[in-house]
Amino acid sequence: MKKSPDTQKLEEILRSPAFSAEIIDADLADLAKLNYTPQQIADRMQQITNKAKSALGNWIKLDDTHSAMITEVKGRIPCPWPHAGNFAKRVTTLKDTQTHRQIYFSDLNIHLIAEHNFFEGRGSAFRVEPKEIVEILF
């Protein structure tokens, strides 16, 4: 299906280096205040996803304060940056069982954070807020 001119223009803006760099800089500044790096966050997200895979579709207790669940759909999604990278359409939901806060993230989110320091754009359905993920992960 052909994309509309409006959709094409929006994609160009969202993929522009200046737009992404502004978001990345703001997120890195937030992380610096919290004393965490994107790699620490991505590593922890990957550990959680790896543990939750065994219980696909069901909650699994990770520790005294965290549970996680994986949902997966057919297909793969490519990295929007211009390099090879294709990721399962898998979503991990992480729940803090004491505060009842939840956050979800995809395999692509893990890659984007680890490799590109990108937590997605503000307002995006899969935006991972740095402060929120740090509070729930650690």
N, C-alpha and C. Protein backbone atom coordinates (compact mmCIF):
# COMPACT_ATOMS: atom_id res chain seq x y z
N MET A 1 0.84 -1.18 0.00
CA MET A 1 0.00 0.00 0.00
C MET A 1 0.89 1.24 0.00
N LYS A 2 0.56 2.18 -0.85
CA LYS A 2 1.32 3.42 -0.97
C LYS A 2 1.00 4.34 0.20
N LYS A 3 2.02 4.99 0.73
CA LYS A 3 1.84 5.91 1.86
C LYS A 3 1.38 7.27 1.34
N SER A 4 0.55 7.92 2.15
CA SER A 4 0.09 9.26 1.79
C SER A 4 1.25 10.24 1.92
N PRO A 5 1.20 11.38 1.23
CA PRO A 5 2.26 12.38 1.37
C PRO A 5 2.44 12.85 2.81
N ASP A 6 1.32 12.98 3.55
CA ASP A 6 1.42 13.39 4.96
C ASP A 6 2.18 12.35 5.79
N THR A 7 1.89 11.07 5.55
CA THR A 7 2.56 10.00 6.28
C THR A 7 4.05 9.97 5.93
N GLN A 8 4.37 10.14 4.66
CA GLN A 8 5.77 10.15 4.23
C GLN A 8 6.52 11.32 4.87
N LYS A 9 5.90 12.50 4.90
CA LYS A 9 6.54 13.68 5.49
C LYS A 9 6.79 13.46 6.99
N LEU A 10 5.79 12.92 7.69
CA LEU A 10 5.93 12.65 9.11
C LEU A 10 7.08 11.67 9.36
N GLU A 11 7.15 10.61 8.57
CA GLU A 11 8.23 9.64 8.73
C GLU A 11 9.59 10.28 8.50
N GLU A 12 9.69 11.16 7.53
CA GLU A 12 10.95 11.86 7.26
C GLU A 12 11.36 12.72 8.46
N ILE A 13 10.40 13.42 9.04
CA ILE A 13 10.69 14.25 10.21
C ILE A 13 11.14 13.39 11.39
N LEU A 14 10.39 12.31 11.65
CA LEU A 14 10.71 11.45 12.79
C LEU A 14 12.05 10.75 12.62
N ARG A 15 12.43 10.48 11.39
CA ARG A 15 13.70 9.80 11.15
C ARG A 15 14.86 10.76 10.92
N SER A 16 14.57 12.05 10.95
CA SER A 16 15.64 13.01 10.71
C SER A 16 16.62 12.99 11.88
N PRO A 17 17.90 13.08 11.58
CA PRO A 17 18.91 13.05 12.65
C PRO A 17 18.73 14.16 13.68
N ALA A 18 18.32 15.35 13.25
CA ALA A 18 18.16 16.47 14.19
C ALA A 18 17.05 16.19 15.19
N PHE A 19 15.92 15.68 14.70
CA PHE A 19 14.78 15.39 15.56
C PHE A 19 15.14 14.30 16.57
N SER A 20 15.74 13.23 16.09
CA SER A 20 16.13 12.12 16.97
C SER A 20 17.19 12.57 17.97
N ALA A 21 18.16 13.35 17.50
CA ALA A 21 19.25 13.80 18.37
C ALA A 21 18.73 14.63 19.53
N GLU A 22 17.73 15.45 19.27
CA GLU A 22 17.15 16.28 20.33
C GLU A 22 16.52 15.42 21.41
N ILE A 23 15.79 14.41 21.01
CA ILE A 23 15.14 13.48 21.96
C ILE A 23 16.21 12.71 22.72
N ILE A 24 17.18 12.20 21.99
CA ILE A 24 18.26 11.41 22.61
C ILE A 24 19.01 12.25 23.63
N ASP A 25 19.36 13.48 23.28
CA ASP A 25 20.09 14.35 24.21
C ASP A 25 19.29 14.59 25.49
N ALA A 26 18.00 14.84 25.36
CA ALA A 26 17.16 15.08 26.54
C ALA A 26 17.08 13.83 27.41
N ASP A 27 16.92 12.67 26.78
CA ASP A 27 16.84 11.42 27.54
C ASP A 27 18.16 11.09 28.23
N LEU A 28 19.27 11.32 27.54
CA LEU A 28 20.58 11.07 28.16
C LEU A 28 20.83 11.99 29.34
N ALA A 29 20.37 13.23 29.24
CA ALA A 29 20.50 14.16 30.37
C ALA A 29 19.69 13.67 31.57
N ASP A 30 18.48 13.18 31.30
CA ASP A 30 17.65 12.63 32.38
C ASP A 30 18.33 11.42 33.03
N LEU A 31 18.90 10.55 32.20
CA LEU A 31 19.57 9.36 32.73
C LEU A 31 20.80 9.72 33.55
N ALA A 32 21.53 10.73 33.12
CA ALA A 32 22.72 11.16 33.86
C ALA A 32 22.35 11.58 35.28
N LYS A 33 21.22 12.25 35.41
CA LYS A 33 20.74 12.67 36.74
C LYS A 33 20.39 11.46 37.60
N LEU A 34 19.98 10.37 36.95
CA LEU A 34 19.58 9.16 37.67
C LEU A 34 20.74 8.19 37.88
N ASN A 35 21.91 8.51 37.30
CA ASN A 35 23.11 7.68 37.40
C ASN A 35 22.95 6.30 36.76
N TYR A 36 22.29 6.25 35.62
CA TYR A 36 22.16 5.02 34.85
C TYR A 36 22.50 5.30 33.41
N THR A 37 22.97 4.26 32.72
CA THR A 37 23.29 4.38 31.30
C THR A 37 22.24 3.63 30.49
N PRO A 38 22.11 3.98 29.23
CA PRO A 38 21.19 3.21 28.37
C PRO A 38 21.56 1.72 28.35
N GLN A 39 22.85 1.42 28.36
CA GLN A 39 23.26 0.01 28.31
C GLN A 39 22.83 -0.74 29.57
N GLN A 40 22.93 -0.13 30.73
CA GLN A 40 22.46 -0.79 31.97
C GLN A 40 20.97 -1.08 31.88
N ILE A 41 20.22 -0.14 31.37
CA ILE A 41 18.77 -0.29 31.25
C ILE A 41 18.44 -1.39 30.25
N ALA A 42 19.08 -1.34 29.07
CA ALA A 42 18.82 -2.35 28.04
C ALA A 42 19.21 -3.74 28.51
N ASP A 43 20.33 -3.85 29.22
CA ASP A 43 20.76 -5.16 29.74
C ASP A 43 19.73 -5.73 30.70
N ARG A 44 19.22 -4.89 31.59
CA ARG A 44 18.21 -5.36 32.56
C ARG A 44 16.91 -5.73 31.85
N MET A 45 16.51 -4.93 30.86
CA MET A 45 15.31 -5.24 30.08
C MET A 45 15.46 -6.60 29.38
N GLN A 46 16.65 -6.84 28.82
CA GLN A 46 16.90 -8.10 28.12
C GLN A 46 16.88 -9.28 29.09
N GLN A 47 17.46 -9.10 30.28
CA GLN A 47 17.43 -10.17 31.29
C GLN A 47 15.99 -10.54 31.64
N ILE A 48 15.16 -9.53 31.82
CA ILE A 48 13.76 -9.76 32.17
C ILE A 48 13.04 -10.48 31.04
N THR A 49 13.26 -10.03 29.82
CA THR A 49 12.64 -10.68 28.67
C THR A 49 13.09 -12.13 28.57
N ASN A 50 14.36 -12.39 28.74
CA ASN A 50 14.86 -13.76 28.66
C ASN A 50 14.22 -14.66 29.71
N LYS A 51 14.04 -14.16 30.92
CA LYS A 51 13.42 -14.96 31.98
C LYS A 51 11.94 -15.20 31.69
N ALA A 52 11.26 -14.20 31.17
CA ALA A 52 9.81 -14.30 30.95
C ALA A 52 9.45 -15.15 29.73
N LYS A 53 10.39 -15.39 28.83
CA LYS A 53 10.11 -16.19 27.63
C LYS A 53 9.57 -17.57 27.98
N SER A 54 10.07 -18.15 29.05
CA SER A 54 9.68 -19.51 29.42
C SER A 54 8.21 -19.60 29.82
N ALA A 55 7.59 -18.48 30.15
CA ALA A 55 6.19 -18.49 30.60
C ALA A 55 5.28 -17.78 29.60
N LEU A 56 5.64 -17.79 28.34
CA LEU A 56 4.93 -17.07 27.29
C LEU A 56 3.43 -16.98 27.55
N GLY A 57 2.94 -15.75 27.68
CA GLY A 57 1.50 -15.53 27.89
C GLY A 57 1.04 -15.62 29.33
N ASN A 58 1.94 -15.94 30.23
CA ASN A 58 1.61 -16.06 31.65
C ASN A 58 2.58 -15.23 32.48
N TRP A 59 2.12 -14.78 33.63
CA TRP A 59 2.99 -14.03 34.52
C TRP A 59 4.00 -14.96 35.16
N ILE A 60 5.21 -14.45 35.30
CA ILE A 60 6.27 -15.19 35.97
C ILE A 60 6.87 -14.28 37.04
N LYS A 61 7.08 -14.84 38.22
CA LYS A 61 7.68 -14.07 39.32
C LYS A 61 9.18 -13.99 39.09
N LEU A 62 9.69 -12.78 39.07
CA LEU A 62 11.13 -12.57 38.85
C LEU A 62 11.89 -12.47 40.16
N ASP A 63 11.29 -11.79 41.13
CA ASP A 63 11.89 -11.63 42.45
C ASP A 63 10.77 -11.20 43.41
N ASP A 64 11.11 -10.72 44.58
CA ASP A 64 10.10 -10.37 45.57
C ASP A 64 9.20 -9.20 45.16
N THR A 65 9.65 -8.40 44.22
CA THR A 65 8.86 -7.21 43.87
C THR A 65 8.52 -7.09 42.38
N HIS A 66 8.93 -8.05 41.56
CA HIS A 66 8.69 -7.93 40.13
C HIS A 66 8.13 -9.21 39.53
N SER A 67 7.17 -9.03 38.61
CA SER A 67 6.65 -10.10 37.78
C SER A 67 6.68 -9.61 36.34
N ALA A 68 6.74 -10.56 35.41
CA ALA A 68 6.76 -10.18 34.00
C ALA A 68 5.95 -11.17 33.18
N MET A 69 5.50 -10.69 32.03
CA MET A 69 4.76 -11.53 31.10
C MET A 69 5.14 -11.12 29.68
N ILE A 70 5.25 -12.12 28.82
CA ILE A 70 5.57 -11.89 27.40
C ILE A 70 4.34 -12.17 26.56
N THR A 71 4.08 -11.28 25.63
CA THR A 71 3.09 -11.55 24.58
C THR A 71 3.83 -11.42 23.26
N GLU A 72 3.45 -12.26 22.32
CA GLU A 72 4.17 -12.30 21.07
C GLU A 72 3.18 -12.48 19.93
N VAL A 73 3.46 -11.83 18.82
CA VAL A 73 2.65 -12.00 17.62
C VAL A 73 3.57 -12.38 16.46
N LYS A 74 2.96 -12.92 15.42
CA LYS A 74 3.75 -13.33 14.26
C LYS A 74 4.44 -12.14 13.62
N GLY A 75 5.58 -12.42 13.07
CA GLY A 75 6.27 -11.40 12.30
C GLY A 75 7.44 -10.79 13.02
N ARG A 76 8.10 -9.92 12.27
CA ARG A 76 9.28 -9.24 12.79
C ARG A 76 9.17 -7.78 12.41
N ILE A 77 9.93 -6.95 13.12
CA ILE A 77 9.93 -5.51 12.86
C ILE A 77 11.38 -5.05 12.71
N PRO A 78 11.66 -4.27 11.67
CA PRO A 78 13.04 -3.82 11.45
C PRO A 78 13.37 -2.60 12.30
N CYS A 79 14.65 -2.42 12.54
CA CYS A 79 15.14 -1.21 13.20
C CYS A 79 14.98 -0.05 12.21
N PRO A 80 14.49 1.10 12.67
CA PRO A 80 14.31 2.23 11.77
C PRO A 80 15.62 2.91 11.35
N TRP A 81 16.71 2.61 12.05
CA TRP A 81 18.00 3.16 11.65
C TRP A 81 18.51 2.34 10.47
N PRO A 82 19.34 2.96 9.65
CA PRO A 82 19.79 2.27 8.42
C PRO A 82 20.91 1.25 8.67
N HIS A 83 20.54 0.15 9.26
CA HIS A 83 21.46 -0.98 9.42
C HIS A 83 20.63 -2.24 9.57
N ALA A 84 21.29 -3.36 9.46
CA ALA A 84 20.57 -4.63 9.59
C ALA A 84 20.07 -4.79 11.02
N GLY A 85 18.87 -5.24 11.15
CA GLY A 85 18.29 -5.47 12.46
C GLY A 85 16.82 -5.76 12.31
N ASN A 86 16.42 -6.96 12.69
CA ASN A 86 15.05 -7.42 12.56
C ASN A 86 14.68 -8.09 13.88
N PHE A 87 13.59 -7.65 14.50
CA PHE A 87 13.29 -8.10 15.85
C PHE A 87 11.90 -8.72 15.94
N ALA A 88 11.78 -9.73 16.79
CA ALA A 88 10.50 -10.39 17.00
C ALA A 88 9.49 -9.37 17.51
N LYS A 89 8.25 -9.53 17.11
CA LYS A 89 7.18 -8.67 17.61
C LYS A 89 6.74 -9.24 18.96
N ARG A 90 7.57 -8.96 19.94
CA ARG A 90 7.35 -9.50 21.29
C ARG A 90 7.31 -8.32 22.25
N VAL A 91 6.37 -8.36 23.18
CA VAL A 91 6.24 -7.30 24.18
C VAL A 91 6.37 -7.93 25.56
N THR A 92 7.23 -7.33 26.37
CA THR A 92 7.39 -7.75 27.75
C THR A 92 6.69 -6.72 28.63
N THR A 93 5.83 -7.20 29.51
CA THR A 93 5.18 -6.33 30.49
C THR A 93 5.83 -6.63 31.83
N LEU A 94 6.32 -5.59 32.47
CA LEU A 94 6.97 -5.71 33.77
C LEU A 94 6.10 -5.03 34.81
N LYS A 95 5.84 -5.74 35.90
CA LYS A 95 4.99 -5.20 36.95
C LYS A 95 5.74 -5.18 38.27
N ASP A 96 5.67 -4.04 38.95
CA ASP A 96 6.17 -3.93 40.31
C ASP A 96 5.01 -4.37 41.19
N THR A 97 5.14 -5.50 41.83
CA THR A 97 4.02 -6.09 42.57
C THR A 97 3.71 -5.36 43.87
N GLN A 98 4.61 -4.49 44.32
CA GLN A 98 4.33 -3.72 45.53
C GLN A 98 3.60 -2.42 45.22
N THR A 99 4.02 -1.74 44.16
CA THR A 99 3.40 -0.46 43.81
C THR A 99 2.31 -0.62 42.76
N HIS A 100 2.27 -1.79 42.12
CA HIS A 100 1.32 -2.10 41.05
C HIS A 100 1.57 -1.27 39.78
N ARG A 101 2.73 -0.65 39.69
CA ARG A 101 3.10 0.07 38.46
C ARG A 101 3.52 -0.95 37.42
N GLN A 102 3.19 -0.65 36.17
CA GLN A 102 3.55 -1.52 35.06
C GLN A 102 4.19 -0.71 33.96
N ILE A 103 5.05 -1.36 33.24
CA ILE A 103 5.64 -0.76 32.04
C ILE A 103 5.80 -1.88 31.03
N TYR A 104 5.69 -1.54 29.76
CA TYR A 104 5.91 -2.56 28.74
C TYR A 104 6.92 -2.06 27.73
N PHE A 105 7.61 -3.02 27.11
CA PHE A 105 8.63 -2.69 26.13
C PHE A 105 8.77 -3.86 25.16
N SER A 106 9.24 -3.53 23.97
CA SER A 106 9.41 -4.54 22.93
C SER A 106 10.88 -4.91 22.77
N ASP A 107 11.11 -5.97 22.02
CA ASP A 107 12.49 -6.34 21.70
C ASP A 107 13.17 -5.20 20.94
N LEU A 108 12.39 -4.51 20.07
CA LEU A 108 12.94 -3.37 19.34
C LEU A 108 13.33 -2.25 20.31
N ASN A 109 12.53 -2.01 21.35
CA ASN A 109 12.90 -1.00 22.35
C ASN A 109 14.26 -1.31 22.96
N ILE A 110 14.48 -2.56 23.30
CA ILE A 110 15.74 -2.96 23.92
C ILE A 110 16.90 -2.62 22.98
N HIS A 111 16.75 -2.97 21.72
CA HIS A 111 17.77 -2.68 20.72
C HIS A 111 17.99 -1.18 20.57
N LEU A 112 16.90 -0.42 20.44
CA LEU A 112 17.01 1.02 20.24
C LEU A 112 17.73 1.71 21.40
N ILE A 113 17.45 1.26 22.61
CA ILE A 113 18.09 1.83 23.80
C ILE A 113 19.57 1.43 23.84
N ALA A 114 19.86 0.15 23.61
CA ALA A 114 21.24 -0.33 23.69
C ALA A 114 22.13 0.22 22.59
N GLU A 115 21.63 0.24 21.38
CA GLU A 115 22.46 0.59 20.24
C GLU A 115 22.37 2.05 19.81
N HIS A 116 21.25 2.70 20.11
CA HIS A 116 21.03 4.06 19.60
C HIS A 116 20.70 5.08 20.69
N ASN A 117 20.66 4.65 21.96
CA ASN A 117 20.29 5.53 23.08
C ASN A 117 18.93 6.17 22.85
N PHE A 118 18.05 5.46 22.17
CA PHE A 118 16.76 6.02 21.76
C PHE A 118 15.62 5.31 22.50
N PHE A 119 14.86 6.08 23.25
CA PHE A 119 13.75 5.55 24.05
C PHE A 119 12.40 5.76 23.34
N GLU A 120 12.45 6.12 22.07
CA GLU A 120 11.32 6.45 21.20
C GLU A 120 10.86 7.88 21.47
N GLY A 121 10.09 8.40 20.52
CA GLY A 121 9.65 9.78 20.59
C GLY A 121 8.56 9.99 21.62
N ARG A 122 8.51 11.18 22.16
CA ARG A 122 7.47 11.50 23.13
C ARG A 122 6.10 11.36 22.49
N GLY A 123 5.21 10.68 23.18
CA GLY A 123 3.87 10.44 22.65
C GLY A 123 3.75 9.15 21.85
N SER A 124 4.86 8.51 21.57
CA SER A 124 4.84 7.24 20.84
C SER A 124 4.23 6.15 21.71
N ALA A 125 3.50 5.24 21.08
CA ALA A 125 2.87 4.14 21.83
C ALA A 125 3.91 3.30 22.57
N PHE A 126 5.10 3.19 22.03
CA PHE A 126 6.13 2.38 22.66
C PHE A 126 7.25 3.22 23.28
N ARG A 127 6.95 4.46 23.58
CA ARG A 127 7.91 5.33 24.27
C ARG A 127 8.21 4.72 25.64
N VAL A 128 9.47 4.62 25.98
CA VAL A 128 9.90 4.17 27.30
C VAL A 128 10.48 5.40 28.00
N GLU A 129 9.79 5.88 29.01
CA GLU A 129 10.26 7.06 29.74
C GLU A 129 11.44 6.65 30.61
N PRO A 130 12.60 7.28 30.42
CA PRO A 130 13.79 6.89 31.18
C PRO A 130 13.59 6.87 32.69
N LYS A 131 13.00 7.91 33.26
CA LYS A 131 12.82 7.95 34.72
C LYS A 131 11.90 6.82 35.18
N GLU A 132 10.83 6.60 34.46
CA GLU A 132 9.87 5.55 34.85
C GLU A 132 10.50 4.17 34.76
N ILE A 133 11.23 3.89 33.69
CA ILE A 133 11.82 2.55 33.56
C ILE A 133 12.88 2.32 34.63
N VAL A 134 13.65 3.34 34.96
CA VAL A 134 14.66 3.21 36.02
C VAL A 134 13.98 2.92 37.36
N GLU A 135 12.91 3.66 37.66
CA GLU A 135 12.21 3.45 38.93
C GLU A 135 11.64 2.04 39.04
N ILE A 136 11.16 1.49 37.96
CA ILE A 136 10.55 0.15 38.01
C ILE A 136 11.61 -0.95 37.91
N LEU A 137 12.62 -0.76 37.06
CA LEU A 137 13.65 -1.79 36.88
C LEU A 137 14.55 -1.96 38.09
N PHE A 138 14.92 -0.85 38.70
CA PHE A 138 15.95 -0.90 39.75
C PHE A 138 15.33 -0.51 41.06
